Amino acid sequence: LLLSHLMNTNTPTILYTESTQFPTWIIPFPAVTICNMNLMSKTKVNIM
């Protein structure tokens, strides 16, 4: 019982699978960020 208590003290939390059939329409859609490889516009650079 003492060992069990020490284990609970060292690892007080646990993560386990609750469901593998959770509907995705309840989970918010992620952010989709699009970055151009081009860091400087040739047209804007010439104007500047």
All heavy atoms as atom14 arrays in JSON, in Angstrom:
{
  "sequence": "LLLSHLMNTNTPTILYTESTQFPTWIIPFPAVTICNMNLMSKTKVNIM",
  "atom14_mask": [
    [1, 1, 1, 1, 1, 1, 1, 1, 0, 0, 0, 0, 0, 0],
    [1, 1, 1, 1, 1, 1, 1, 1, 0, 0, 0, 0, 0, 0],
    [1, 1, 1, 1, 1, 1, 1, 1, 0, 0, 0, 0, 0, 0],
    [1, 1, 1, 1, 1, 1, 0, 0, 0, 0, 0, 0, 0, 0],
    [1, 1, 1, 1, 1, 1, 1, 1, 1, 1, 0, 0, 0, 0],
    [1, 1, 1, 1, 1, 1, 1, 1, 0, 0, 0, 0, 0, 0],
    [1, 1, 1, 1, 1, 1, 1, 1, 0, 0, 0, 0, 0, 0],
    [1, 1, 1, 1, 1, 1, 1, 1, 0, 0, 0, 0, 0, 0],
    [1, 1, 1, 1, 1, 1, 1, 0, 0, 0, 0, 0, 0, 0],
    [1, 1, 1, 1, 1, 1, 1, 1, 0, 0, 0, 0, 0, 0],
    [1, 1, 1, 1, 1, 1, 1, 0, 0, 0, 0, 0, 0, 0],
    [1, 1, 1, 1, 1, 1, 1, 0, 0, 0, 0, 0, 0, 0],
    [1, 1, 1, 1, 1, 1, 1, 0, 0, 0, 0, 0, 0, 0],
    [1, 1, 1, 1, 1, 1, 1, 1, 0, 0, 0, 0, 0, 0],
    [1, 1, 1, 1, 1, 1, 1, 1, 0, 0, 0, 0, 0, 0],
    [1, 1, 1, 1, 1, 1, 1, 1, 1, 1, 1, 1, 0, 0],
    [1, 1, 1, 1, 1, 1, 1, 0, 0, 0, 0, 0, 0, 0],
    [1, 1, 1, 1, 1, 1, 1, 1, 1, 0, 0, 0, 0, 0],
    [1, 1, 1, 1, 1, 1, 0, 0, 0, 0, 0, 0, 0, 0],
    [1, 1, 1, 1, 1, 1, 1, 0, 0, 0, 0, 0, 0, 0],
    [1, 1, 1, 1, 1, 1, 1, 1, 1, 0, 0, 0, 0, 0],
    [1, 1, 1, 1, 1, 1, 1, 1, 1, 1, 1, 0, 0, 0],
    [1, 1, 1, 1, 1, 1, 1, 0, 0, 0, 0, 0, 0, 0],
    [1, 1, 1, 1, 1, 1, 1, 0, 0, 0, 0, 0, 0, 0],
    [1, 1, 1, 1, 1, 1, 1, 1, 1, 1, 1, 1, 1, 1],
    [1, 1, 1, 1, 1, 1, 1, 1, 0, 0, 0, 0, 0, 0],
    [1, 1, 1, 1, 1, 1, 1, 1, 0, 0, 0, 0, 0, 0],
    [1, 1, 1, 1, 1, 1, 1, 0, 0, 0, 0, 0, 0, 0],
    [1, 1, 1, 1, 1, 1, 1, 1, 1, 1, 1, 0, 0, 0],
    [1, 1, 1, 1, 1, 1, 1, 0, 0, 0, 0, 0, 0, 0],
    [1, 1, 1, 1, 1, 0, 0, 0, 0, 0, 0, 0, 0, 0],
    [1, 1, 1, 1, 1, 1, 1, 0, 0, 0, 0, 0, 0, 0],
    [1, 1, 1, 1, 1, 1, 1, 0, 0, 0, 0, 0, 0, 0],
    [1, 1, 1, 1, 1, 1, 1, 1, 0, 0, 0, 0, 0, 0],
    [1, 1, 1, 1, 1, 1, 0, 0, 0, 0, 0, 0, 0, 0],
    [1, 1, 1, 1, 1, 1, 1, 1, 0, 0, 0, 0, 0, 0],
    [1, 1, 1, 1, 1, 1, 1, 1, 0, 0, 0, 0, 0, 0],
    [1, 1, 1, 1, 1, 1, 1, 1, 0, 0, 0, 0, 0, 0],
    [1, 1, 1, 1, 1, 1, 1, 1, 0, 0, 0, 0, 0, 0],
    [1, 1, 1, 1, 1, 1, 1, 1, 0, 0, 0, 0, 0, 0],
    [1, 1, 1, 1, 1, 1, 0, 0, 0, 0, 0, 0, 0, 0],
    [1, 1, 1, 1, 1, 1, 1, 1, 1, 0, 0, 0, 0, 0],
    [1, 1, 1, 1, 1, 1, 1, 0, 0, 0, 0, 0, 0, 0],
    [1, 1, 1, 1, 1, 1, 1, 1, 1, 0, 0, 0, 0, 0],
    [1, 1, 1, 1, 1, 1, 1, 0, 0, 0, 0, 0, 0, 0],
    [1, 1, 1, 1, 1, 1, 1, 1, 0, 0, 0, 0, 0, 0],
    [1, 1, 1, 1, 1, 1, 1, 1, 0, 0, 0, 0, 0, 0],
    [1, 1, 1, 1, 1, 1, 1, 1, 0, 0, 0, 0, 0, 0]
  ],
  "atom14_positions": [
    [[0.83, -1.21, 0.0], [0.0, 0.0, 0.0], [0.86, 1.25, 0.0], [0.54, 2.25, -0.65], [-0.92, -0.01, 1.22], [-2.14, -0.94, 1.15], [-2.86, -0.97, 2.48], [-3.09, -0.49, 0.04], [0.0, 0.0, 0.0], [0.0, 0.0, 0.0], [0.0, 0.0, 0.0], [0.0, 0.0, 0.0], [0.0, 0.0, 0.0], [0.0, 0.0, 0.0]],
    [[1.99, 1.22, 0.72], [2.92, 2.35, 0.72], [3.52, 2.55, -0.66], [3.65, 3.7, -1.13], [4.01, 2.11, 1.76], [5.08, 3.21, 1.87], [4.45, 4.54, 2.26], [6.16, 2.81, 2.87], [0.0, 0.0, 0.0], [0.0, 0.0, 0.0], [0.0, 0.0, 0.0], [0.0, 0.0, 0.0], [0.0, 0.0, 0.0], [0.0, 0.0, 0.0]],
    [[3.9, 1.47, -1.34], [4.42, 1.58, -2.7], [3.38, 2.17, -3.64], [3.7, 2.99, -4.51], [4.87, 0.21, -3.21], [6.11, -0.41, -2.57], [6.4, -1.76, -3.19], [7.31, 0.51, -2.7], [0.0, 0.0, 0.0], [0.0, 0.0, 0.0], [0.0, 0.0, 0.0], [0.0, 0.0, 0.0], [0.0, 0.0, 0.0], [0.0, 0.0, 0.0]],
    [[2.13, 1.75, -3.49], [1.06, 2.3, -4.33], [0.9, 3.8, -4.1], [0.7, 4.57, -5.06], [-0.25, 1.57, -4.03], [-1.33, 2.14, -4.74], [0.0, 0.0, 0.0], [0.0, 0.0, 0.0], [0.0, 0.0, 0.0], [0.0, 0.0, 0.0], [0.0, 0.0, 0.0], [0.0, 0.0, 0.0], [0.0, 0.0, 0.0], [0.0, 0.0, 0.0]],
    [[1.03, 4.22, -2.86], [0.93, 5.65, -2.56], [2.09, 6.43, -3.17], [1.9, 7.53, -3.71], [0.9, 5.84, -1.05], [0.98, 7.29, -0.63], [-0.06, 8.17, -0.82], [1.99, 7.99, -0.04], [0.3, 9.36, -0.37], [1.54, 9.28, 0.11], [0.0, 0.0, 0.0], [0.0, 0.0, 0.0], [0.0, 0.0, 0.0], [0.0, 0.0, 0.0]],
    [[3.29, 5.87, -3.12], [4.45, 6.54, -3.7], [4.32, 6.64, -5.22], [4.7, 7.65, -5.82], [5.73, 5.79, -3.33], [6.09, 5.81, -1.83], [7.34, 4.99, -1.59], [6.29, 7.24, -1.35], [0.0, 0.0, 0.0], [0.0, 0.0, 0.0], [0.0, 0.0, 0.0], [0.0, 0.0, 0.0], [0.0, 0.0, 0.0], [0.0, 0.0, 0.0]],
    [[3.77, 5.6, -5.85], [3.55, 5.67, -7.3], [2.54, 6.75, -7.64], [2.69, 7.47, -8.64], [3.06, 4.31, -7.8], [4.11, 3.22, -7.77], [3.43, 1.61, -8.26], [2.9, 1.98, -9.93], [0.0, 0.0, 0.0], [0.0, 0.0, 0.0], [0.0, 0.0, 0.0], [0.0, 0.0, 0.0], [0.0, 0.0, 0.0], [0.0, 0.0, 0.0]],
    [[1.53, 6.88, -6.85], [0.53, 7.93, -7.08], [1.14, 9.31, -6.89], [0.77, 10.26, -7.59], [-0.64, 7.74, -6.12], [-1.72, 8.8, -6.31], [-2.07, 9.12, -7.44], [-2.23, 9.34, -5.22], [0.0, 0.0, 0.0], [0.0, 0.0, 0.0], [0.0, 0.0, 0.0], [0.0, 0.0, 0.0], [0.0, 0.0, 0.0], [0.0, 0.0, 0.0]],
    [[2.1, 9.44, -5.98], [2.75, 10.72, -5.76], [3.66, 11.09, -6.91], [3.72, 12.24, -7.34], [3.54, 10.67, -4.45], [2.66, 10.32, -3.37], [4.18, 12.02, -4.14], [0.0, 0.0, 0.0], [0.0, 0.0, 0.0], [0.0, 0.0, 0.0], [0.0, 0.0, 0.0], [0.0, 0.0, 0.0], [0.0, 0.0, 0.0], [0.0, 0.0, 0.0]],
    [[4.4, 10.1, -7.45], [5.34, 10.37, -8.54], [4.63, 10.59, -9.86], [5.07, 11.41, -10.68], [6.33, 9.2, -8.66], [7.22, 9.08, -7.45], [7.52, 10.07, -6.79], [7.66, 7.88, -7.15], [0.0, 0.0, 0.0], [0.0, 0.0, 0.0], [0.0, 0.0, 0.0], [0.0, 0.0, 0.0], [0.0, 0.0, 0.0], [0.0, 0.0, 0.0]],
    [[3.57, 9.86, -10.13], [2.8, 10.02, -11.36], [1.34, 10.25, -11.01], [0.52, 9.34, -11.07], [2.94, 8.77, -12.26], [2.53, 7.62, -11.5], [4.37, 8.59, -12.71], [0.0, 0.0, 0.0], [0.0, 0.0, 0.0], [0.0, 0.0, 0.0], [0.0, 0.0, 0.0], [0.0, 0.0, 0.0], [0.0, 0.0, 0.0], [0.0, 0.0, 0.0]],
    [[1.0, 11.48, -10.64], [-0.37, 11.73, -10.17], [-1.43, 11.75, -11.27], [-2.61, 11.73, -10.97], [-0.26, 13.1, -9.5], [0.87, 13.76, -10.21], [1.84, 12.68, -10.59], [0.0, 0.0, 0.0], [0.0, 0.0, 0.0], [0.0, 0.0, 0.0], [0.0, 0.0, 0.0], [0.0, 0.0, 0.0], [0.0, 0.0, 0.0], [0.0, 0.0, 0.0]],
    [[-1.01, 11.82, -12.54], [-1.98, 11.9, -13.64], [-1.78, 10.74, -14.6], [-0.72, 10.11, -14.65], [-1.84, 13.22, -14.4], [-0.5, 13.33, -14.93], [-2.11, 14.4, -13.49], [0.0, 0.0, 0.0], [0.0, 0.0, 0.0], [0.0, 0.0, 0.0], [0.0, 0.0, 0.0], [0.0, 0.0, 0.0], [0.0, 0.0, 0.0], [0.0, 0.0, 0.0]],
    [[-2.81, 10.48, -15.4], [-2.77, 9.4, -16.38], [-3.58, 9.83, -17.6], [-4.59, 10.53, -17.47], [-3.32, 8.08, -15.78], [-3.17, 6.94, -16.77], [-4.76, 8.23, -15.35], [-3.52, 5.58, -16.19], [0.0, 0.0, 0.0], [0.0, 0.0, 0.0], [0.0, 0.0, 0.0], [0.0, 0.0, 0.0], [0.0, 0.0, 0.0], [0.0, 0.0, 0.0]],
    [[-3.11, 9.43, -18.77], [-3.79, 9.74, -20.03], [-4.14, 8.44, -20.72], [-3.27, 7.61, -20.96], [-2.87, 10.59, -20.92], [-3.47, 11.11, -22.23], [-4.56, 12.13, -21.94], [-2.38, 11.75, -23.09], [0.0, 0.0, 0.0], [0.0, 0.0, 0.0], [0.0, 0.0, 0.0], [0.0, 0.0, 0.0], [0.0, 0.0, 0.0], [0.0, 0.0, 0.0]],
    [[-5.4, 8.27, -21.02], [-5.81, 7.03, -21.67], [-6.9, 7.33, -22.71], [-7.51, 8.41, -22.72], [-6.31, 6.01, -20.66], [-7.49, 6.44, -19.82], [-8.78, 6.2, -20.23], [-7.31, 7.11, -18.61], [-9.88, 6.59, -19.48], [-8.38, 7.51, -17.84], [-9.66, 7.25, -18.28], [-10.73, 7.66, -17.53], [0.0, 0.0, 0.0], [0.0, 0.0, 0.0]],
    [[-7.1, 6.38, -23.59], [-8.06, 6.55, -24.69], [-9.49, 6.36, -24.17], [-9.82, 5.32, -23.63], [-7.78, 5.54, -25.81], [-6.44, 5.73, -26.29], [-8.75, 5.73, -26.95], [0.0, 0.0, 0.0], [0.0, 0.0, 0.0], [0.0, 0.0, 0.0], [0.0, 0.0, 0.0], [0.0, 0.0, 0.0], [0.0, 0.0, 0.0], [0.0, 0.0, 0.0]],
    [[-10.28, 7.39, -24.35], [-11.69, 7.33, -23.95], [-12.56, 6.8, -25.06], [-13.51, 6.04, -24.83], [-12.15, 8.72, -23.52], [-13.6, 8.79, -23.08], [-14.0, 10.2, -22.7], [-13.52, 10.69, -21.67], [-14.81, 10.79, -23.45], [0.0, 0.0, 0.0], [0.0, 0.0, 0.0], [0.0, 0.0, 0.0], [0.0, 0.0, 0.0], [0.0, 0.0, 0.0]],
    [[-12.25, 7.21, -26.3], [-13.07, 6.76, -27.44], [-12.25, 6.88, -28.71], [-11.43, 7.81, -28.86], [-14.33, 7.61, -27.55], [-15.05, 7.29, -28.72], [0.0, 0.0, 0.0], [0.0, 0.0, 0.0], [0.0, 0.0, 0.0], [0.0, 0.0, 0.0], [0.0, 0.0, 0.0], [0.0, 0.0, 0.0], [0.0, 0.0, 0.0], [0.0, 0.0, 0.0]],
    [[-12.46, 5.95, -29.62], [-11.87, 6.03, -30.96], [-12.92, 6.36, -32.01], [-12.61, 6.38, -33.2], [-11.18, 4.7, -31.32], [-12.15, 3.65, -31.25], [-10.04, 4.41, -30.37], [0.0, 0.0, 0.0], [0.0, 0.0, 0.0], [0.0, 0.0, 0.0], [0.0, 0.0, 0.0], [0.0, 0.0, 0.0], [0.0, 0.0, 0.0], [0.0, 0.0, 0.0]],
    [[-14.14, 6.63, -31.57], [-15.25, 6.95, -32.47], [-15.85, 8.3, -32.12], [-17.06, 8.49, -32.18], [-16.32, 5.85, -32.4], [-15.83, 4.47, -32.79], [-15.4, 4.4, -34.24], [-16.1, 4.91, -35.12], [-14.25, 3.8, -34.5], [0.0, 0.0, 0.0], [0.0, 0.0, 0.0], [0.0, 0.0, 0.0], [0.0, 0.0, 0.0], [0.0, 0.0, 0.0]],
    [[-15.0, 9.24, -31.73], [-15.49, 10.57, -31.39], [-15.73, 11.35, -32.68], [-14.85, 11.42, -33.55], [-14.48, 11.29, -30.51], [-14.98, 12.58, -29.94], [-15.89, 12.57, -28.89], [-14.56, 13.8, -30.45], [-16.35, 13.76, -28.35], [-15.02, 14.98, -29.92], [-15.93, 14.95, -28.87], [0.0, 0.0, 0.0], [0.0, 0.0, 0.0], [0.0, 0.0, 0.0]],
    [[-16.9, 11.96, -32.86], [-17.22, 12.63, -34.14], [-16.35, 13.86, -34.37], [-16.15, 14.68, -33.48], [-18.7, 13.01, -33.97], [-18.95, 13.0, -32.5], [-18.03, 11.98, -31.92], [0.0, 0.0, 0.0], [0.0, 0.0, 0.0], [0.0, 0.0, 0.0], [0.0, 0.0, 0.0], [0.0, 0.0, 0.0], [0.0, 0.0, 0.0], [0.0, 0.0, 0.0]],
    [[-15.83, 13.98, -35.59], [-14.94, 15.09, -35.91], [-15.68, 16.41, -36.05], [-15.05, 17.48, -35.97], [-14.19, 14.8, -37.22], [-15.14, 14.51, -38.26], [-13.27, 13.61, -37.06], [0.0, 0.0, 0.0], [0.0, 0.0, 0.0], [0.0, 0.0, 0.0], [0.0, 0.0, 0.0], [0.0, 0.0, 0.0], [0.0, 0.0, 0.0], [0.0, 0.0, 0.0]],
    [[-16.99, 16.37, -36.28], [-17.7, 17.65, -36.44], [-17.84, 18.41, -35.11], [-18.29, 19.54, -35.1], [-19.07, 17.42, -37.07], [-19.96, 16.45, -36.33], [-20.73, 16.71, -35.25], [-20.15, 15.05, -36.64], [-21.4, 15.58, -34.85], [-21.07, 14.53, -35.69], [-19.65, 14.21, -37.61], [-21.48, 13.21, -35.71], [-20.07, 12.9, -37.62], [-20.97, 12.4, -36.68]],
    [[-17.45, 17.78, -34.03], [-17.44, 18.49, -32.74], [-16.09, 19.16, -32.5], [-15.99, 20.1, -31.71], [-17.77, 17.5, -31.6], [-19.16, 16.88, -31.84], [-17.73, 18.16, -30.24], [-19.57, 15.89, -30.78], [0.0, 0.0, 0.0], [0.0, 0.0, 0.0], [0.0, 0.0, 0.0], [0.0, 0.0, 0.0], [0.0, 0.0, 0.0], [0.0, 0.0, 0.0]],
    [[-15.05, 18.7, -33.19], [-13.71, 19.26, -33.02], [-13.54, 20.43, -33.99], [-13.79, 20.29, -35.19], [-12.64, 18.18, -33.28], [-12.85, 17.0, -32.35], [-11.24, 18.76, -33.12], [-11.89, 15.85, -32.59], [0.0, 0.0, 0.0], [0.0, 0.0, 0.0], [0.0, 0.0, 0.0], [0.0, 0.0, 0.0], [0.0, 0.0, 0.0], [0.0, 0.0, 0.0]],
    [[-13.08, 21.6, -33.52], [-12.9, 22.75, -34.44], [-11.89, 22.45, -35.53], [-10.9, 21.74, -35.31], [-12.4, 23.86, -33.5], [-12.8, 23.44, -32.13], [-12.78, 21.95, -32.12], [0.0, 0.0, 0.0], [0.0, 0.0, 0.0], [0.0, 0.0, 0.0], [0.0, 0.0, 0.0], [0.0, 0.0, 0.0], [0.0, 0.0, 0.0], [0.0, 0.0, 0.0]],
    [[-12.15, 22.99, -36.7], [-11.22, 22.84, -37.83], [-9.96, 23.65, -37.52], [-10.04, 24.74, -36.96], [-11.87, 23.33, -39.11], [-11.24, 22.8, -40.36], [-11.51, 21.52, -40.78], [-10.37, 23.59, -41.1], [-10.92, 21.01, -41.94], [-9.79, 23.09, -42.26], [-10.06, 21.8, -42.68], [0.0, 0.0, 0.0], [0.0, 0.0, 0.0], [0.0, 0.0, 0.0]],
    [[-8.78, 23.13, -37.87], [-7.55, 23.87, -37.53], [-7.35, 25.09, -38.41], [-8.04, 25.28, -39.42], [-6.45, 22.82, -37.79], [-7.03, 21.93, -38.84], [-8.51, 21.86, -38.55], [0.0, 0.0, 0.0], [0.0, 0.0, 0.0], [0.0, 0.0, 0.0], [0.0, 0.0, 0.0], [0.0, 0.0, 0.0], [0.0, 0.0, 0.0], [0.0, 0.0, 0.0]],
    [[-6.4, 25.91, -38.03], [-6.0, 27.05, -38.86], [-5.07, 26.56, -39.97], [-4.14, 25.79, -39.72], [-5.31, 28.11, -38.01], [0.0, 0.0, 0.0], [0.0, 0.0, 0.0], [0.0, 0.0, 0.0], [0.0, 0.0, 0.0], [0.0, 0.0, 0.0], [0.0, 0.0, 0.0], [0.0, 0.0, 0.0], [0.0, 0.0, 0.0], [0.0, 0.0, 0.0]],
    [[-5.32, 27.0, -41.19], [-4.49, 26.66, -42.35], [-3.75, 27.93, -42.76], [-4.36, 28.88, -43.26], [-5.35, 26.11, -43.5], [-4.47, 25.74, -44.69], [-6.17, 24.91, -43.03], [0.0, 0.0, 0.0], [0.0, 0.0, 0.0], [0.0, 0.0, 0.0], [0.0, 0.0, 0.0], [0.0, 0.0, 0.0], [0.0, 0.0, 0.0], [0.0, 0.0, 0.0]],
    [[-2.46, 27.95, -42.56], [-1.64, 29.13, -42.84], [-0.77, 28.86, -44.06], [-0.05, 27.86, -44.11], [-0.76, 29.48, -41.64], [-1.58, 29.66, -40.48], [0.01, 30.76, -41.89], [0.0, 0.0, 0.0], [0.0, 0.0, 0.0], [0.0, 0.0, 0.0], [0.0, 0.0, 0.0], [0.0, 0.0, 0.0], [0.0, 0.0, 0.0], [0.0, 0.0, 0.0]],
    [[-0.85, 29.76, -45.04], [-0.12, 29.63, -46.3], [0.91, 30.75, -46.37], [0.56, 31.93, -46.32], [-1.07, 29.69, -47.5], [-2.12, 28.58, -47.4], [-0.31, 29.58, -48.81], [-3.2, 28.67, -48.46], [0.0, 0.0, 0.0], [0.0, 0.0, 0.0], [0.0, 0.0, 0.0], [0.0, 0.0, 0.0], [0.0, 0.0, 0.0], [0.0, 0.0, 0.0]],
    [[2.18, 30.37, -46.48], [3.27, 31.34, -46.56], [3.98, 31.17, -47.9], [4.33, 30.05, -48.3], [4.27, 31.14, -45.42], [3.58, 31.4, -43.78], [0.0, 0.0, 0.0], [0.0, 0.0, 0.0], [0.0, 0.0, 0.0], [0.0, 0.0, 0.0], [0.0, 0.0, 0.0], [0.0, 0.0, 0.0], [0.0, 0.0, 0.0], [0.0, 0.0, 0.0]],
    [[4.2, 32.29, -48.55], [4.88, 32.28, -49.84], [6.38, 32.12, -49.63], [6.97, 32.73, -48.75], [4.6, 33.59, -50.58], [4.86, 33.47, -52.07], [5.63, 32.62, -52.52], [4.22, 34.34, -52.85], [0.0, 0.0, 0.0], [0.0, 0.0, 0.0], [0.0, 0.0, 0.0], [0.0, 0.0, 0.0], [0.0, 0.0, 0.0], [0.0, 0.0, 0.0]],
    [[7.0, 31.25, -50.44], [8.45, 31.12, -50.38], [9.15, 32.42, -50.77], [10.27, 32.7, -50.33], [8.91, 30.0, -51.32], [8.56, 28.6, -50.84], [9.59, 28.1, -49.46], [9.13, 26.36, -49.38], [0.0, 0.0, 0.0], [0.0, 0.0, 0.0], [0.0, 0.0, 0.0], [0.0, 0.0, 0.0], [0.0, 0.0, 0.0], [0.0, 0.0, 0.0]],
    [[8.47, 33.21, -51.59], [9.01, 34.49, -52.01], [8.87, 35.5, -50.87], [7.76, 35.84, -50.46], [8.28, 34.99, -53.25], [8.86, 36.28, -53.78], [10.02, 36.6, -53.53], [8.05, 37.02, -54.51], [0.0, 0.0, 0.0], [0.0, 0.0, 0.0], [0.0, 0.0, 0.0], [0.0, 0.0, 0.0], [0.0, 0.0, 0.0], [0.0, 0.0, 0.0]],
    [[9.98, 35.97, -50.34], [9.96, 36.89, -49.22], [9.81, 38.34, -49.66], [9.4, 39.19, -48.86], [11.24, 36.74, -48.39], [11.49, 35.34, -47.8], [12.81, 35.32, -47.04], [10.34, 34.92, -46.9], [0.0, 0.0, 0.0], [0.0, 0.0, 0.0], [0.0, 0.0, 0.0], [0.0, 0.0, 0.0], [0.0, 0.0, 0.0], [0.0, 0.0, 0.0]],
    [[10.16, 38.64, -50.92], [10.07, 40.0, -51.43], [9.49, 39.99, -52.82], [9.91, 39.2, -53.68], [11.46, 40.66, -51.46], [12.08, 40.89, -50.11], [13.66, 41.76, -50.24], [14.13, 41.82, -48.51], [0.0, 0.0, 0.0], [0.0, 0.0, 0.0], [0.0, 0.0, 0.0], [0.0, 0.0, 0.0], [0.0, 0.0, 0.0], [0.0, 0.0, 0.0]],
    [[8.53, 40.86, -53.05], [7.92, 40.98, -54.36], [8.81, 41.82, -55.27], [9.23, 42.93, -54.9], [6.54, 41.63, -54.23], [6.02, 41.97, -55.49], [0.0, 0.0, 0.0], [0.0, 0.0, 0.0], [0.0, 0.0, 0.0], [0.0, 0.0, 0.0], [0.0, 0.0, 0.0], [0.0, 0.0, 0.0], [0.0, 0.0, 0.0], [0.0, 0.0, 0.0]],
    [[9.1, 41.29, -56.47], [9.97, 42.02, -57.4], [9.34, 43.35, -57.79], [10.03, 44.39, -57.87], [10.22, 41.17, -58.64], [11.16, 41.83, -59.65], [11.28, 41.0, -60.91], [11.97, 39.69, -60.63], [12.24, 38.94, -61.89], [0.0, 0.0, 0.0], [0.0, 0.0, 0.0], [0.0, 0.0, 0.0], [0.0, 0.0, 0.0], [0.0, 0.0, 0.0]],
    [[8.03, 43.34, -58.0], [7.34, 44.58, -58.38], [7.42, 45.62, -57.28], [7.74, 46.79, -57.51], [5.88, 44.28, -58.73], [5.81, 43.29, -59.75], [5.16, 45.54, -59.17], [0.0, 0.0, 0.0], [0.0, 0.0, 0.0], [0.0, 0.0, 0.0], [0.0, 0.0, 0.0], [0.0, 0.0, 0.0], [0.0, 0.0, 0.0], [0.0, 0.0, 0.0]],
    [[7.16, 45.21, -56.06], [7.2, 46.14, -54.93], [8.61, 46.62, -54.64], [8.82, 47.78, -54.26], [6.6, 45.48, -53.69], [5.11, 45.22, -53.78], [4.58, 44.68, -52.47], [3.08, 44.5, -52.5], [2.54, 44.03, -51.21], [0.0, 0.0, 0.0], [0.0, 0.0, 0.0], [0.0, 0.0, 0.0], [0.0, 0.0, 0.0], [0.0, 0.0, 0.0]],
    [[9.58, 45.74, -54.81], [10.98, 46.14, -54.59], [11.38, 47.21, -55.6], [12.06, 48.2, -55.26], [11.9, 44.9, -54.68], [13.36, 45.33, -54.79], [11.73, 44.02, -53.46], [0.0, 0.0, 0.0], [0.0, 0.0, 0.0], [0.0, 0.0, 0.0], [0.0, 0.0, 0.0], [0.0, 0.0, 0.0], [0.0, 0.0, 0.0], [0.0, 0.0, 0.0]],
    [[11.01, 47.06, -56.86], [11.34, 48.07, -57.88], [10.66, 49.4, -57.58], [11.27, 50.47, -57.74], [10.93, 47.56, -59.26], [11.81, 46.41, -59.73], [12.99, 46.33, -59.39], [11.24, 45.51, -60.52], [0.0, 0.0, 0.0], [0.0, 0.0, 0.0], [0.0, 0.0, 0.0], [0.0, 0.0, 0.0], [0.0, 0.0, 0.0], [0.0, 0.0, 0.0]],
    [[9.39, 49.34, -57.15], [8.68, 50.59, -56.83], [9.34, 51.28, -55.65], [9.55, 52.51, -55.64], [7.2, 50.29, -56.53], [6.5, 49.77, -57.79], [6.5, 51.53, -55.99], [5.07, 49.33, -57.55], [0.0, 0.0, 0.0], [0.0, 0.0, 0.0], [0.0, 0.0, 0.0], [0.0, 0.0, 0.0], [0.0, 0.0, 0.0], [0.0, 0.0, 0.0]],
    [[9.72, 50.52, -54.62], [10.36, 51.1, -53.45], [11.75, 51.64, -53.78], [12.17, 52.69, -53.26], [10.43, 50.07, -52.34], [10.86, 50.62, -50.99], [9.74, 51.87, -50.33], [8.25, 50.9, -50.12], [0.0, 0.0, 0.0], [0.0, 0.0, 0.0], [0.0, 0.0, 0.0], [0.0, 0.0, 0.0], [0.0, 0.0, 0.0], [0.0, 0.0, 0.0]]
  ]
}
